[in-house]
Amino acid sequence: VTDDTAHELDNMIAFAKDVGAFVLNVFFLVCTGRGEKVTNISAQTY
């Protein structure tokens, strides 16, 4: 999840059920590796 994709959460849950997944794991980025260059999620959106 990022600020740009946070709005997709409900649709992602529905999709995961429809496609047959048994778990949806939602990850939040930590600024390491190339992730240092990625804008993290804001505290409010988080």
PDB file of all heavy atoms in Angstrom:
ATOM      1  N   VAL A   1       0.825  -1.197   0.000  1.00  0.00           N
ATOM      2  CA  VAL A   1       0.000   0.000   0.000  1.00  0.00           C
ATOM      3  C   VAL A   1       0.867   1.259   0.000  1.00  0.00           C
ATOM      4  O   VAL A   1       1.807   1.378   0.781  1.00  0.00           O
ATOM      5  CB  VAL A   1      -0.941   0.027   1.218  1.00  0.00           C
ATOM      6  CG1 VAL A   1      -1.750   1.319   1.242  1.00  0.00           C
ATOM      7  CG2 VAL A   1      -1.887  -1.149   1.179  1.00  0.00           C
ATOM      8  N   THR A   2       0.522   2.199  -0.860  1.00  0.00           N
ATOM      9  CA  THR A   2       1.105   3.528  -0.867  1.00  0.00           C
ATOM     10  C   THR A   2      -0.031   4.538  -0.890  1.00  0.00           C
ATOM     11  O   THR A   2      -1.212   4.178  -0.984  1.00  0.00           O
ATOM     12  CB  THR A   2       2.006   3.747  -2.091  1.00  0.00           C
ATOM     13  OG1 THR A   2       1.188   3.745  -3.278  1.00  0.00           O
ATOM     14  CG2 THR A   2       3.052   2.634  -2.217  1.00  0.00           C
ATOM     15  N   ASP A   3       0.330   5.820  -0.825  1.00  0.00           N
ATOM     16  CA  ASP A   3      -0.696   6.853  -0.943  1.00  0.00           C
ATOM     17  C   ASP A   3      -1.481   6.717  -2.247  1.00  0.00           C
ATOM     18  O   ASP A   3      -2.669   7.031  -2.309  1.00  0.00           O
ATOM     19  CB  ASP A   3      -0.057   8.250  -0.879  1.00  0.00           C
ATOM     20  CG  ASP A   3       0.178   8.711   0.546  1.00  0.00           C
ATOM     21  OD1 ASP A   3      -0.569   8.294   1.438  1.00  0.00           O
ATOM     22  OD2 ASP A   3       1.104   9.499   0.775  1.00  0.00           O
ATOM     23  N   ASP A   4      -0.791   6.229  -3.292  1.00  0.00           N
ATOM     24  CA  ASP A   4      -1.421   6.136  -4.603  1.00  0.00           C
ATOM     25  C   ASP A   4      -2.363   4.945  -4.743  1.00  0.00           C
ATOM     26  O   ASP A   4      -3.235   4.939  -5.619  1.00  0.00           O
ATOM     27  CB  ASP A   4      -0.349   6.062  -5.698  1.00  0.00           C
ATOM     28  CG  ASP A   4       0.484   7.330  -5.800  1.00  0.00           C
ATOM     29  OD1 ASP A   4      -0.046   8.417  -5.494  1.00  0.00           O
ATOM     30  OD2 ASP A   4       1.666   7.227  -6.177  1.00  0.00           O
ATOM     31  N   THR A   5      -2.191   3.918  -3.896  1.00  0.00           N
ATOM     32  CA  THR A   5      -2.993   2.706  -4.045  1.00  0.00           C
ATOM     33  C   THR A   5      -3.907   2.421  -2.863  1.00  0.00           C
ATOM     34  O   THR A   5      -4.652   1.436  -2.889  1.00  0.00           O
ATOM     35  CB  THR A   5      -2.088   1.480  -4.275  1.00  0.00           C
ATOM     36  OG1 THR A   5      -1.214   1.309  -3.132  1.00  0.00           O
ATOM     37  CG2 THR A   5      -1.253   1.657  -5.536  1.00  0.00           C
ATOM     38  N   ALA A   6      -3.864   3.259  -1.832  1.00  0.00           N
ATOM     39  CA  ALA A   6      -4.656   3.006  -0.630  1.00  0.00           C
ATOM     40  C   ALA A   6      -6.146   2.880  -0.935  1.00  0.00           C
ATOM     41  O   ALA A   6      -6.861   2.103  -0.292  1.00  0.00           O
ATOM     42  CB  ALA A   6      -4.419   4.109   0.396  1.00  0.00           C
ATOM     43  N   HIS A   7      -6.618   3.635  -1.919  1.00  0.00           N
ATOM     44  CA  HIS A   7      -8.047   3.616  -2.247  1.00  0.00           C
ATOM     45  C   HIS A   7      -8.500   2.279  -2.837  1.00  0.00           C
ATOM     46  O   HIS A   7      -9.701   2.020  -2.935  1.00  0.00           O
ATOM     47  CB  HIS A   7      -8.371   4.735  -3.252  1.00  0.00           C
ATOM     48  CG  HIS A   7      -7.756   4.515  -4.609  1.00  0.00           C
ATOM     49  ND1 HIS A   7      -6.433   4.793  -4.883  1.00  0.00           N
ATOM     50  CD2 HIS A   7      -8.280   4.020  -5.770  1.00  0.00           C
ATOM     51  CE1 HIS A   7      -6.158   4.507  -6.146  1.00  0.00           C
ATOM     52  NE2 HIS A   7      -7.265   4.035  -6.698  1.00  0.00           N
ATOM     53  N   GLU A   8      -7.560   1.417  -3.194  1.00  0.00           N
ATOM     54  CA  GLU A   8      -7.893   0.140  -3.804  1.00  0.00           C
ATOM     55  C   GLU A   8      -8.139  -0.977  -2.798  1.00  0.00           C
ATOM     56  O   GLU A   8      -8.467  -2.098  -3.189  1.00  0.00           O
ATOM     57  CB  GLU A   8      -6.784  -0.309  -4.757  1.00  0.00           C
ATOM     58  CG  GLU A   8      -6.590   0.563  -5.992  1.00  0.00           C
ATOM     59  CD  GLU A   8      -5.730  -0.104  -7.038  1.00  0.00           C
ATOM     60  OE1 GLU A   8      -6.049  -1.255  -7.406  1.00  0.00           O
ATOM     61  OE2 GLU A   8      -4.724   0.495  -7.485  1.00  0.00           O
ATOM     62  N   LEU A   9      -8.000  -0.704  -1.514  1.00  0.00           N
ATOM     63  CA  LEU A   9      -8.016  -1.781  -0.531  1.00  0.00           C
ATOM     64  C   LEU A   9      -9.296  -2.610  -0.591  1.00  0.00           C
ATOM     65  O   LEU A   9      -9.250  -3.841  -0.655  1.00  0.00           O
ATOM     66  CB  LEU A   9      -7.817  -1.220   0.878  1.00  0.00           C
ATOM     67  CG  LEU A   9      -7.878  -2.255   2.015  1.00  0.00           C
ATOM     68  CD1 LEU A   9      -6.817  -3.335   1.827  1.00  0.00           C
ATOM     69  CD2 LEU A   9      -7.724  -1.581   3.376  1.00  0.00           C
ATOM     70  N   ASP A  10     -10.453  -1.985  -0.565  1.00  0.00           N
ATOM     71  CA  ASP A  10     -11.706  -2.734  -0.580  1.00  0.00           C
ATOM     72  C   ASP A  10     -11.842  -3.564  -1.851  1.00  0.00           C
ATOM     73  O   ASP A  10     -12.267  -4.728  -1.809  1.00  0.00           O
ATOM     74  CB  ASP A  10     -12.895  -1.793  -0.433  1.00  0.00           C
ATOM     75  CG  ASP A  10     -13.101  -1.325   1.002  1.00  0.00           C
ATOM     76  OD1 ASP A  10     -12.780  -2.078   1.933  1.00  0.00           O
ATOM     77  OD2 ASP A  10     -13.575  -0.192   1.194  1.00  0.00           O
ATOM     78  N   ASN A  11     -11.484  -2.979  -2.972  1.00  0.00           N
ATOM     79  CA  ASN A  11     -11.544  -3.722  -4.233  1.00  0.00           C
ATOM     80  C   ASN A  11     -10.541  -4.865  -4.255  1.00  0.00           C
ATOM     81  O   ASN A  11     -10.811  -5.930  -4.827  1.00  0.00           O
ATOM     82  CB  ASN A  11     -11.304  -2.782  -5.414  1.00  0.00           C
ATOM     83  CG  ASN A  11     -12.469  -1.851  -5.674  1.00  0.00           C
ATOM     84  OD1 ASN A  11     -13.601  -2.127  -5.273  1.00  0.00           O
ATOM     85  ND2 ASN A  11     -12.205  -0.730  -6.331  1.00  0.00           N
ATOM     86  N   MET A  12      -9.381  -4.663  -3.616  1.00  0.00           N
ATOM     87  CA  MET A  12      -8.387  -5.728  -3.563  1.00  0.00           C
ATOM     88  C   MET A  12      -8.878  -6.892  -2.706  1.00  0.00           C
ATOM     89  O   MET A  12      -8.642  -8.060  -3.033  1.00  0.00           O
ATOM     90  CB  MET A  12      -7.058  -5.193  -3.031  1.00  0.00           C
ATOM     91  CG  MET A  12      -5.899  -6.175  -3.120  1.00  0.00           C
ATOM     92  SD  MET A  12      -5.412  -6.614  -4.815  1.00  0.00           S
ATOM     93  CE  MET A  12      -4.529  -5.102  -5.317  1.00  0.00           C
ATOM     94  N   ILE A  13      -9.566  -6.595  -1.618  1.00  0.00           N
ATOM     95  CA  ILE A  13     -10.143  -7.655  -0.788  1.00  0.00           C
ATOM     96  C   ILE A  13     -11.149  -8.464  -1.603  1.00  0.00           C
ATOM     97  O   ILE A  13     -11.145  -9.691  -1.596  1.00  0.00           O
ATOM     98  CB  ILE A  13     -10.801  -7.063   0.476  1.00  0.00           C
ATOM     99  CG1 ILE A  13      -9.740  -6.441   1.395  1.00  0.00           C
ATOM    100  CG2 ILE A  13     -11.577  -8.147   1.222  1.00  0.00           C
ATOM    101  CD1 ILE A  13     -10.325  -5.666   2.577  1.00  0.00           C
ATOM    102  N   ALA A  14     -12.027  -7.756  -2.314  1.00  0.00           N
ATOM    103  CA  ALA A  14     -13.028  -8.428  -3.138  1.00  0.00           C
ATOM    104  C   ALA A  14     -12.370  -9.257  -4.234  1.00  0.00           C
ATOM    105  O   ALA A  14     -12.774 -10.397  -4.510  1.00  0.00           O
ATOM    106  CB  ALA A  14     -13.988  -7.405  -3.745  1.00  0.00           C
ATOM    107  N   PHE A  15     -11.344  -8.700  -4.866  1.00  0.00           N
ATOM    108  CA  PHE A  15     -10.634  -9.419  -5.918  1.00  0.00           C
ATOM    109  C   PHE A  15      -9.967 -10.676  -5.369  1.00  0.00           C
ATOM    110  O   PHE A  15     -10.029 -11.746  -5.988  1.00  0.00           O
ATOM    111  CB  PHE A  15      -9.585  -8.513  -6.561  1.00  0.00           C
ATOM    112  CG  PHE A  15      -8.709  -9.216  -7.563  1.00  0.00           C
ATOM    113  CD1 PHE A  15      -9.114  -9.355  -8.878  1.00  0.00           C
ATOM    114  CD2 PHE A  15      -7.486  -9.754  -7.190  1.00  0.00           C
ATOM    115  CE1 PHE A  15      -8.315 -10.015  -9.801  1.00  0.00           C
ATOM    116  CE2 PHE A  15      -6.678 -10.399  -8.108  1.00  0.00           C
ATOM    117  CZ  PHE A  15      -7.097 -10.535  -9.416  1.00  0.00           C
ATOM    118  N   ALA A  16      -9.312 -10.555  -4.219  1.00  0.00           N
ATOM    119  CA  ALA A  16      -8.627 -11.699  -3.625  1.00  0.00           C
ATOM    120  C   ALA A  16      -9.598 -12.841  -3.360  1.00  0.00           C
ATOM    121  O   ALA A  16      -9.272 -14.016  -3.583  1.00  0.00           O
ATOM    122  CB  ALA A  16      -7.921 -11.277  -2.338  1.00  0.00           C
ATOM    123  N   LYS A  17     -10.797 -12.514  -2.900  1.00  0.00           N
ATOM    124  CA  LYS A  17     -11.807 -13.551  -2.688  1.00  0.00           C
ATOM    125  C   LYS A  17     -12.248 -14.159  -4.015  1.00  0.00           C
ATOM    126  O   LYS A  17     -12.375 -15.381  -4.140  1.00  0.00           O
ATOM    127  CB  LYS A  17     -13.009 -12.974  -1.937  1.00  0.00           C
ATOM    128  CG  LYS A  17     -12.713 -12.600  -0.492  1.00  0.00           C
ATOM    129  CD  LYS A  17     -13.965 -12.293   0.298  1.00  0.00           C
ATOM    130  CE  LYS A  17     -14.604 -11.006  -0.152  1.00  0.00           C
ATOM    131  NZ  LYS A  17     -15.758 -10.623   0.733  1.00  0.00           N
ATOM    132  N   ASP A  18     -12.491 -13.315  -4.999  1.00  0.00           N
ATOM    133  CA  ASP A  18     -12.976 -13.794  -6.289  1.00  0.00           C
ATOM    134  C   ASP A  18     -11.966 -14.691  -7.009  1.00  0.00           C
ATOM    135  O   ASP A  18     -12.334 -15.667  -7.662  1.00  0.00           O
ATOM    136  CB  ASP A  18     -13.332 -12.613  -7.195  1.00  0.00           C
ATOM    137  CG  ASP A  18     -14.587 -11.892  -6.764  1.00  0.00           C
ATOM    138  OD1 ASP A  18     -15.366 -12.456  -5.958  1.00  0.00           O
ATOM    139  OD2 ASP A  18     -14.803 -10.744  -7.220  1.00  0.00           O
ATOM    140  N   VAL A  19     -10.688 -14.351  -6.882  1.00  0.00           N
ATOM    141  CA  VAL A  19      -9.667 -15.089  -7.625  1.00  0.00           C
ATOM    142  C   VAL A  19      -9.254 -16.374  -6.923  1.00  0.00           C
ATOM    143  O   VAL A  19      -8.543 -17.196  -7.492  1.00  0.00           O
ATOM    144  CB  VAL A  19      -8.444 -14.181  -7.894  1.00  0.00           C
ATOM    145  CG1 VAL A  19      -7.518 -14.110  -6.683  1.00  0.00           C
ATOM    146  CG2 VAL A  19      -7.684 -14.617  -9.129  1.00  0.00           C
ATOM    147  N   GLY A  20      -9.689 -16.543  -5.664  1.00  0.00           N
ATOM    148  CA  GLY A  20      -9.416 -17.788  -4.965  1.00  0.00           C
ATOM    149  C   GLY A  20      -8.261 -17.778  -3.992  1.00  0.00           C
ATOM    150  O   GLY A  20      -7.818 -18.846  -3.549  1.00  0.00           O
ATOM    151  N   ALA A  21      -7.728 -16.596  -3.650  1.00  0.00           N
ATOM    152  CA  ALA A  21      -6.663 -16.519  -2.648  1.00  0.00           C
ATOM    153  C   ALA A  21      -7.214 -16.887  -1.277  1.00  0.00           C
ATOM    154  O   ALA A  21      -8.389 -16.641  -0.981  1.00  0.00           O
ATOM    155  CB  ALA A  21      -6.067 -15.116  -2.612  1.00  0.00           C
ATOM    156  N   PHE A  22      -6.400 -17.461  -0.414  1.00  0.00           N
ATOM    157  CA  PHE A  22      -6.872 -17.758   0.931  1.00  0.00           C
ATOM    158  C   PHE A  22      -6.394 -16.727   1.943  1.00  0.00           C
ATOM    159  O   PHE A  22      -6.912 -16.675   3.060  1.00  0.00           O
ATOM    160  CB  PHE A  22      -6.497 -19.182   1.364  1.00  0.00           C
ATOM    161  CG  PHE A  22      -5.073 -19.387   1.788  1.00  0.00           C
ATOM    162  CD1 PHE A  22      -4.731 -19.429   3.122  1.00  0.00           C
ATOM    163  CD2 PHE A  22      -4.081 -19.579   0.843  1.00  0.00           C
ATOM    164  CE1 PHE A  22      -3.421 -19.639   3.511  1.00  0.00           C
ATOM    165  CE2 PHE A  22      -2.769 -19.786   1.232  1.00  0.00           C
ATOM    166  CZ  PHE A  22      -2.436 -19.820   2.563  1.00  0.00           C
ATOM    167  N   VAL A  23      -5.463 -15.867   1.566  1.00  0.00           N
ATOM    168  CA  VAL A  23      -4.994 -14.785   2.419  1.00  0.00           C
ATOM    169  C   VAL A  23      -4.702 -13.565   1.552  1.00  0.00           C
ATOM    170  O   VAL A  23      -4.184 -13.695   0.440  1.00  0.00           O
ATOM    171  CB  VAL A  23      -3.711 -15.164   3.199  1.00  0.00           C
ATOM    172  CG1 VAL A  23      -3.196 -13.970   4.002  1.00  0.00           C
ATOM    173  CG2 VAL A  23      -3.953 -16.345   4.129  1.00  0.00           C
ATOM    174  N   LEU A  24      -5.049 -12.386   2.069  1.00  0.00           N
ATOM    175  CA  LEU A  24      -4.567 -11.130   1.509  1.00  0.00           C
ATOM    176  C   LEU A  24      -3.654 -10.498   2.552  1.00  0.00           C
ATOM    177  O   LEU A  24      -4.110 -10.104   3.625  1.00  0.00           O
ATOM    178  CB  LEU A  24      -5.711 -10.178   1.169  1.00  0.00           C
ATOM    179  CG  LEU A  24      -5.280  -8.764   0.730  1.00  0.00           C
ATOM    180  CD1 LEU A  24      -4.507  -8.807  -0.588  1.00  0.00           C
ATOM    181  CD2 LEU A  24      -6.482  -7.815   0.612  1.00  0.00           C
ATOM    182  N   ASN A  25      -2.360 -10.421   2.234  1.00  0.00           N
ATOM    183  CA  ASN A  25      -1.392  -9.749   3.096  1.00  0.00           C
ATOM    184  C   ASN A  25      -1.168  -8.333   2.585  1.00  0.00           C
ATOM    185  O   ASN A  25      -0.799  -8.146   1.422  1.00  0.00           O
ATOM    186  CB  ASN A  25      -0.061 -10.508   3.119  1.00  0.00           C
ATOM    187  CG  ASN A  25      -0.115 -11.760   3.974  1.00  0.00           C
ATOM    188  OD1 ASN A  25      -0.783 -11.791   4.994  1.00  0.00           O
ATOM    189  ND2 ASN A  25       0.602 -12.799   3.566  1.00  0.00           N
ATOM    190  N   VAL A  26      -1.395  -7.364   3.441  1.00  0.00           N
ATOM    191  CA  VAL A  26      -1.223  -5.966   3.068  1.00  0.00           C
ATOM    192  C   VAL A  26       0.054  -5.447   3.720  1.00  0.00           C
ATOM    193  O   VAL A  26       0.171  -5.405   4.940  1.00  0.00           O
ATOM    194  CB  VAL A  26      -2.439  -5.127   3.499  1.00  0.00           C
ATOM    195  CG1 VAL A  26      -2.254  -3.670   3.091  1.00  0.00           C
ATOM    196  CG2 VAL A  26      -3.719  -5.693   2.873  1.00  0.00           C
ATOM    197  N   PHE A  27       1.020  -5.060   2.887  1.00  0.00           N
ATOM    198  CA  PHE A  27       2.325  -4.613   3.351  1.00  0.00           C
ATOM    199  C   PHE A  27       2.420  -3.091   3.327  1.00  0.00           C
ATOM    200  O   PHE A  27       1.805  -2.426   2.490  1.00  0.00           O
ATOM    201  CB  PHE A  27       3.437  -5.191   2.474  1.00  0.00           C
ATOM    202  CG  PHE A  27       3.691  -6.653   2.685  1.00  0.00           C
ATOM    203  CD1 PHE A  27       2.917  -7.605   2.044  1.00  0.00           C
ATOM    204  CD2 PHE A  27       4.705  -7.081   3.516  1.00  0.00           C
ATOM    205  CE1 PHE A  27       3.142  -8.958   2.231  1.00  0.00           C
ATOM    206  CE2 PHE A  27       4.942  -8.431   3.708  1.00  0.00           C
ATOM    207  CZ  PHE A  27       4.160  -9.370   3.069  1.00  0.00           C
ATOM    208  N   PHE A  28       3.221  -2.573   4.239  1.00  0.00           N
ATOM    209  CA  PHE A  28       3.507  -1.148   4.297  1.00  0.00           C
ATOM    210  C   PHE A  28       5.012  -0.960   4.154  1.00  0.00           C
ATOM    211  O   PHE A  28       5.801  -1.610   4.839  1.00  0.00           O
ATOM    212  CB  PHE A  28       2.997  -0.550   5.608  1.00  0.00           C
ATOM    213  CG  PHE A  28       1.508  -0.633   5.732  1.00  0.00           C
ATOM    214  CD1 PHE A  28       0.910  -1.778   6.255  1.00  0.00           C
ATOM    215  CD2 PHE A  28       0.696   0.400   5.309  1.00  0.00           C
ATOM    216  CE1 PHE A  28      -0.469  -1.872   6.357  1.00  0.00           C
ATOM    217  CE2 PHE A  28      -0.683   0.308   5.404  1.00  0.00           C
ATOM    218  CZ  PHE A  28      -1.266  -0.826   5.935  1.00  0.00           C
ATOM    219  N   LEU A  29       5.426  -0.084   3.268  1.00  0.00           N
ATOM    220  CA  LEU A  29       6.818   0.029   2.874  1.00  0.00           C
ATOM    221  C   LEU A  29       7.685   0.589   3.995  1.00  0.00           C
ATOM    222  O   LEU A  29       7.257   1.426   4.784  1.00  0.00           O
ATOM    223  CB  LEU A  29       6.946   0.924   1.640  1.00  0.00           C
ATOM    224  CG  LEU A  29       6.126   0.501   0.417  1.00  0.00           C
ATOM    225  CD1 LEU A  29       6.384   1.465  -0.727  1.00  0.00           C
ATOM    226  CD2 LEU A  29       6.446  -0.920   0.005  1.00  0.00           C
ATOM    227  N   VAL A  30       8.899   0.096   4.036  1.00  0.00           N
ATOM    228  CA  VAL A  30       9.941   0.631   4.895  1.00  0.00           C
ATOM    229  C   VAL A  30      11.059   1.099   3.979  1.00  0.00           C
ATOM    230  O   VAL A  30      11.430   0.395   3.036  1.00  0.00           O
ATOM    231  CB  VAL A  30      10.460  -0.419   5.895  1.00  0.00           C
ATOM    232  CG1 VAL A  30      11.565   0.170   6.762  1.00  0.00           C
ATOM    233  CG2 VAL A  30       9.315  -0.933   6.769  1.00  0.00           C
ATOM    234  N   CYS A  31      11.582   2.289   4.229  1.00  0.00           N
ATOM    235  CA  CYS A  31      12.500   2.930   3.290  1.00  0.00           C
ATOM    236  C   CYS A  31      13.909   2.345   3.377  1.00  0.00           C
ATOM    237  O   CYS A  31      14.829   2.957   3.937  1.00  0.00           O
ATOM    238  CB  CYS A  31      12.519   4.436   3.515  1.00  0.00           C
ATOM    239  SG  CYS A  31      10.927   5.218   3.170  1.00  0.00           S
ATOM    240  N   THR A  32      14.059   1.145   2.820  1.00  0.00           N
ATOM    241  CA  THR A  32      15.358   0.512   2.708  1.00  0.00           C
ATOM    242  C   THR A  32      15.533   0.032   1.274  1.00  0.00           C
ATOM    243  O   THR A  32      14.570  -0.090   0.523  1.00  0.00           O
ATOM    244  CB  THR A  32      15.497  -0.682   3.671  1.00  0.00           C
ATOM    245  OG1 THR A  32      14.464  -1.638   3.393  1.00  0.00           O
ATOM    246  CG2 THR A  32      15.382  -0.226   5.123  1.00  0.00           C
ATOM    247  N   GLY A  33      16.794  -0.288   0.885  1.00  0.00           N
ATOM    248  CA  GLY A  33      17.044  -0.716  -0.486  1.00  0.00           C
ATOM    249  C   GLY A  33      16.600   0.357  -1.473  1.00  0.00           C
ATOM    250  O   GLY A  33      16.771   1.558  -1.242  1.00  0.00           O
ATOM    251  N   ARG A  34      15.989  -0.067  -2.587  1.00  0.00           N
ATOM    252  CA  ARG A  34      15.435   0.915  -3.519  1.00  0.00           C
ATOM    253  C   ARG A  34      14.224   1.601  -2.936  1.00  0.00           C
ATOM    254  O   ARG A  34      13.800   2.650  -3.439  1.00  0.00           O
ATOM    255  CB  ARG A  34      15.073   0.244  -4.847  1.00  0.00           C
ATOM    256  CG  ARG A  34      16.257  -0.007  -5.756  1.00  0.00           C
ATOM    257  CD  ARG A  34      15.837  -0.192  -7.207  1.00  0.00           C
ATOM    258  NE  ARG A  34      14.969  -1.316  -7.419  1.00  0.00           N
ATOM    259  CZ  ARG A  34      15.381  -2.563  -7.613  1.00  0.00           C
ATOM    260  NH1 ARG A  34      16.674  -2.847  -7.601  1.00  0.00           N
ATOM    261  NH2 ARG A  34      14.521  -3.534  -7.811  1.00  0.00           N
ATOM    262  N   GLY A  35      13.651   1.031  -1.883  1.00  0.00           N
ATOM    263  CA  GLY A  35      12.518   1.650  -1.226  1.00  0.00           C
ATOM    264  C   GLY A  35      12.821   3.007  -0.622  1.00  0.00           C
ATOM    265  O   GLY A  35      11.918   3.770  -0.279  1.00  0.00           O
ATOM    266  N   GLU A  36      14.117   3.330  -0.491  1.00  0.00           N
ATOM    267  CA  GLU A  36      14.490   4.658  -0.009  1.00  0.00           C
ATOM    268  C   GLU A  36      13.997   5.750  -0.941  1.00  0.00           C
ATOM    269  O   GLU A  36      13.806   6.891  -0.536  1.00  0.00           O
ATOM    270  CB  GLU A  36      16.002   4.763   0.157  1.00  0.00           C
ATOM    271  CG  GLU A  36      16.558   3.932   1.290  1.00  0.00           C
ATOM    272  CD  GLU A  36      18.063   4.049   1.401  1.00  0.00           C
ATOM    273  OE1 GLU A  36      18.717   4.460   0.424  1.00  0.00           O
ATOM    274  OE2 GLU A  36      18.601   3.731   2.477  1.00  0.00           O
ATOM    275  N   LYS A  37      13.798   5.406  -2.197  1.00  0.00           N
ATOM    276  CA  LYS A  37      13.405   6.387  -3.196  1.00  0.00           C
ATOM    277  C   LYS A  37      11.896   6.436  -3.391  1.00  0.00           C
ATOM    278  O   LYS A  37      11.384   7.212  -4.195  1.00  0.00           O
ATOM    279  CB  LYS A  37      14.086   6.080  -4.536  1.00  0.00           C
ATOM    280  CG  LYS A  37      15.605   5.998  -4.473  1.00  0.00           C
ATOM    281  CD  LYS A  37      16.187   5.632  -5.804  1.00  0.00           C
ATOM    282  CE  LYS A  37      17.706   5.552  -5.769  1.00  0.00           C
ATOM    283  NZ  LYS A  37      18.189   4.454  -4.949  1.00  0.00           N
ATOM    284  N   VAL A  38      11.155   5.604  -2.699  1.00  0.00           N
ATOM    285  CA  VAL A  38       9.718   5.526  -2.856  1.00  0.00           C
ATOM    286  C   VAL A  38       9.034   6.381  -1.788  1.00  0.00           C
ATOM    287  O   VAL A  38       9.374   6.309  -0.612  1.00  0.00           O
ATOM    288  CB  VAL A  38       9.220   4.075  -2.738  1.00  0.00           C
ATOM    289  CG1 VAL A  38       7.699   4.009  -2.838  1.00  0.00           C
ATOM    290  CG2 VAL A  38       9.849   3.221  -3.823  1.00  0.00           C
ATOM    291  N   THR A  39       8.082   7.199  -2.194  1.00  0.00           N
ATOM    292  CA  THR A  39       7.316   7.980  -1.241  1.00  0.00           C
ATOM    293  C   THR A  39       6.475   7.055  -0.374  1.00  0.00           C
ATOM    294  O   THR A  39       5.645   6.295  -0.872  1.00  0.00           O
ATOM    295  CB  THR A  39       6.389   8.971  -1.959  1.00  0.00           C
ATOM    296  OG1 THR A  39       7.166   9.833  -2.780  1.00  0.00           O
ATOM    297  CG2 THR A  39       5.610   9.798  -0.961  1.00  0.00           C
ATOM    298  N   ASN A  40       6.682   7.097   0.916  1.00  0.00           N
ATOM    299  CA  ASN A  40       5.967   6.227   1.818  1.00  0.00           C
ATOM    300  C   ASN A  40       4.554   6.735   2.016  1.00  0.00           C
ATOM    301  O   ASN A  40       4.206   7.828   1.629  1.00  0.00           O
ATOM    302  CB  ASN A  40       6.695   6.152   3.161  1.00  0.00           C
ATOM    303  CG  ASN A  40       6.484   4.829   3.861  1.00  0.00           C
ATOM    304  OD1 ASN A  40       5.523   4.119   3.594  1.00  0.00           O
ATOM    305  ND2 ASN A  40       7.379   4.490   4.764  1.00  0.00           N
ATOM    306  N   ILE A  41       3.738   5.925   2.621  1.00  0.00           N
ATOM    307  CA  ILE A  41       2.382   6.307   2.921  1.00  0.00           C
ATOM    308  C   ILE A  41       2.380   7.366   4.024  1.00  0.00           C
ATOM    309  O   ILE A  41       3.210   7.343   4.931  1.00  0.00           O
ATOM    310  CB  ILE A  41       1.569   5.058   3.322  1.00  0.00           C
ATOM    311  CG1 ILE A  41       0.070   5.342   3.307  1.00  0.00           C
ATOM    312  CG2 ILE A  41       2.025   4.519   4.680  1.00  0.00           C
ATOM    313  CD1 ILE A  41      -0.765   4.069   3.408  1.00  0.00           C
ATOM    314  N   SER A  42       1.485   8.326   3.939  1.00  0.00           N
ATOM    315  CA  SER A  42       1.398   9.358   4.960  1.00  0.00           C
ATOM    316  C   SER A  42       0.793   8.776   6.232  1.00  0.00           C
ATOM    317  O   SER A  42       0.064   7.770   6.196  1.00  0.00           O
ATOM    318  CB  SER A  42       0.545  10.531   4.472  1.00  0.00           C
ATOM    319  OG  SER A  42      -0.805  10.122   4.294  1.00  0.00           O
ATOM    320  N   ALA A  43       1.064   9.418   7.376  1.00  0.00           N
ATOM    321  CA  ALA A  43       0.546   8.936   8.652  1.00  0.00           C
ATOM    322  C   ALA A  43      -0.985   8.939   8.660  1.00  0.00           C
ATOM    323  O   ALA A  43      -1.616   8.029   9.205  1.00  0.00           O
ATOM    324  CB  ALA A  43       1.094   9.790   9.798  1.00  0.00           C
ATOM    325  N   GLN A  44      -1.592   9.948   8.044  1.00  0.00           N
ATOM    326  CA  GLN A  44      -3.046  10.028   8.003  1.00  0.00           C
ATOM    327  C   GLN A  44      -3.645   8.891   7.188  1.00  0.00           C
ATOM    328  O   GLN A  44      -4.582   8.215   7.632  1.00  0.00           O
ATOM    329  CB  GLN A  44      -3.494  11.375   7.426  1.00  0.00           C
ATOM    330  CG  GLN A  44      -5.013  11.535   7.360  1.00  0.00           C
ATOM    331  CD  GLN A  44      -5.425  12.875   6.768  1.00  0.00           C
ATOM    332  OE1 GLN A  44      -4.600  13.628   6.247  1.00  0.00           O
ATOM    333  NE2 GLN A  44      -6.696  13.196   6.851  1.00  0.00           N
ATOM    334  N   THR A  45      -3.104   8.666   5.993  1.00  0.00           N
ATOM    335  CA  THR A  45      -3.602   7.583   5.155  1.00  0.00           C
ATOM    336  C   THR A  45      -3.337   6.236   5.806  1.00  0.00           C
ATOM    337  O   THR A  45      -4.170   5.332   5.762  1.00  0.00           O
ATOM    338  CB  THR A  45      -2.956   7.630   3.759  1.00  0.00           C
ATOM    339  OG1 THR A  45      -3.198   8.901   3.161  1.00  0.00           O
ATOM    340  CG2 THR A  45      -3.517   6.546   2.861  1.00  0.00           C
ATOM    341  N   TYR A  46      -2.177   6.094   6.418  1.00  0.00           N
ATOM    342  CA  TYR A  46      -1.831   4.863   7.110  1.00  0.00           C
ATOM    343  C   TYR A  46      -2.868   4.537   8.175  1.00  0.00           C
ATOM    344  O   TYR A  46      -3.343   3.397   8.271  1.00  0.00           O
ATOM    345  CB  TYR A  46      -0.445   5.003   7.739  1.00  0.00           C
ATOM    346  CG  TYR A  46       0.005   3.815   8.559  1.00  0.00           C
ATOM    347  CD1 TYR A  46       0.484   2.669   7.958  1.00  0.00           C
ATOM    348  CD2 TYR A  46      -0.039   3.849   9.945  1.00  0.00           C
ATOM    349  CE1 TYR A  46       0.913   1.586   8.716  1.00  0.00           C
ATOM    350  CE2 TYR A  46       0.389   2.784  10.712  1.00  0.00           C
ATOM    351  CZ  TYR A  46       0.859   1.652  10.093  1.00  0.00           C
ATOM    352  OH  TYR A  46       1.282   0.582  10.848  1.00  0.00           O
TER     353      TYR A  46
END
